[in-house]
Protein backbone atom coordinates (compact mmCIF):
# COMPACT_ATOMS: atom_id res chain seq x y z
CA MET A 1 -0.17 -0.03 -0.05
CA GLU A 2 1.55 3.19 -1.19
CA ILE A 3 0.78 6.06 1.70
CA PHE A 4 0.76 9.71 0.63
CA VAL A 5 0.95 12.29 3.56
CA GLU A 6 -0.62 15.48 2.19
CA LYS A 7 -2.05 18.89 4.44
CA ASP A 8 -4.40 17.57 6.91
CA ARG A 9 -4.78 13.93 5.29
CA ILE A 10 -3.12 10.61 4.94
CA THR A 11 -4.06 9.04 1.57
CA THR A 12 -3.65 5.61 -0.25
CA LYS A 13 -5.45 4.89 -3.65
CA THR A 14 -7.60 2.04 -3.74
CA GLU A 15 -9.49 0.08 -6.67
CA HIS A 16 -12.20 2.47 -6.47
CA GLY A 17 -11.09 5.85 -5.42
CA ILE A 18 -9.09 7.38 -2.45
CA ALA A 19 -9.02 6.30 1.22
CA GLU A 20 -8.22 8.51 3.86
CA VAL A 21 -7.37 9.45 7.57
CA ASP A 22 -8.32 13.42 7.92
CA TYR A 23 -6.37 15.31 10.72
CA ASN A 24 -5.60 18.65 12.55
CA MET A 25 -2.57 19.44 14.43
CA LEU A 26 -4.48 20.76 17.68
CA ASP A 27 -1.06 22.26 18.97
CA SER A 28 2.79 21.65 17.92
CA ASN A 29 2.74 18.23 19.76
CA THR A 30 -0.57 16.96 19.14
CA ILE A 31 -2.50 15.44 16.36
CA SER A 32 -6.08 14.52 15.78
CA PHE A 33 -7.14 11.58 13.56
CA TYR A 34 -10.85 12.75 13.35
CA ARG A 35 -12.04 10.96 10.25
CA VAL A 36 -11.40 7.45 8.18
CA TYR A 37 -12.97 7.08 5.01
CA VAL A 38 -12.90 3.97 2.47
CA PRO A 39 -15.03 3.99 -0.54
CA VAL A 40 -17.86 1.84 -0.04
CA GLU A 41 -16.61 -1.03 -2.75
CA ASP A 42 -13.60 -1.35 -1.14
CA ARG A 43 -14.53 -1.90 2.68
CA SER A 44 -14.10 -5.03 4.71
CA LYS A 45 -10.65 -5.22 2.88
CA GLY A 46 -8.36 -4.21 5.93
CA ILE A 47 -8.00 -0.77 4.26
CA ALA A 48 -8.89 1.39 7.02
CA GLU A 49 -6.84 -0.79 9.45
CA GLU A 50 -3.84 -0.55 7.12
CA LEU A 51 -4.44 3.07 6.61
CA CYS A 52 -4.66 3.83 10.23
CA ILE A 53 -1.28 1.92 11.05
CA GLU A 54 0.31 4.12 8.88
CA ALA A 55 -1.17 7.23 10.14
CA PHE A 56 0.00 6.30 13.83
CA LYS A 57 3.44 5.51 12.28
CA TYR A 58 3.25 8.96 11.18
CA ALA A 59 2.62 10.71 14.08
CA ILE A 60 5.12 8.38 16.10
CA GLU A 61 8.05 9.20 14.27
CA LYS A 62 7.35 12.96 14.52
CA GLY A 63 6.89 12.84 18.32
CA LEU A 64 3.31 13.71 18.32
CA LYS A 65 0.72 12.56 20.46
CA ILE A 66 -2.40 11.42 19.20
CA VAL A 67 -6.27 12.48 19.89
CA PRO A 68 -8.66 9.73 18.31
CA ASP A 69 -11.77 11.83 17.59
CA CYS A 70 -12.79 9.37 14.81
CA PRO A 71 -15.12 6.37 15.80
CA TYR A 72 -13.71 4.08 14.18
CA ILE A 73 -10.04 4.73 15.46
CA ARG A 74 -11.42 5.13 18.83
CA TYR A 75 -13.66 1.89 19.14
CA THR A 76 -12.37 -0.58 16.44
CA PHE A 77 -8.82 0.16 15.49
CA LEU A 78 -7.31 0.89 19.25
CA LYS A 79 -9.31 -2.15 20.46
CA LYS A 80 -7.63 -4.48 17.85
CA HIS A 81 -4.10 -2.53 18.34
CA PRO A 82 -3.88 -1.98 22.16
CA GLU A 83 -0.18 -1.02 21.45
CA TYR A 84 -1.13 2.17 20.18
CA MET A 85 -2.70 3.51 23.46
CA GLN A 86 0.83 4.82 24.77
CA PHE A 87 0.85 7.33 22.06
CA VAL A 88 -3.09 8.41 22.91
CA ILE A 89 -4.41 11.38 24.57
CA GLU A 90 -7.82 10.85 25.88
CA ASN A 91 -8.94 14.08 27.44
CA TYR A 92 -6.84 16.55 25.40
CA GLY A 93 -8.69 20.12 25.81
CA GLU A 94 -10.67 19.33 28.75
CA ASP A 95 -8.28 21.23 31.13
CA LYS A 96 -7.92 24.24 29.23
CA GLN A 97 -11.33 25.93 29.55
């Protein structure tokens, strides 16, 4: 799988389009993965999981903490890959009010 890091998203080409993990930089040390999208025809092929692994690797290599705002990442991906929990911030921003 060839991965492309673009401004605000990490993508890969699929048979039926583009799959992506969308992100925002919350501050200079923290990234929010807020959306995972895979074309309907390409779902259930493991593409979202592979793309999330690459997104986490990208963030880890950059020394970033990760906020898993996307429901797929929070409730599916991280349950299957608990090894990434050490890089996750659960309550980002709650103490900044």
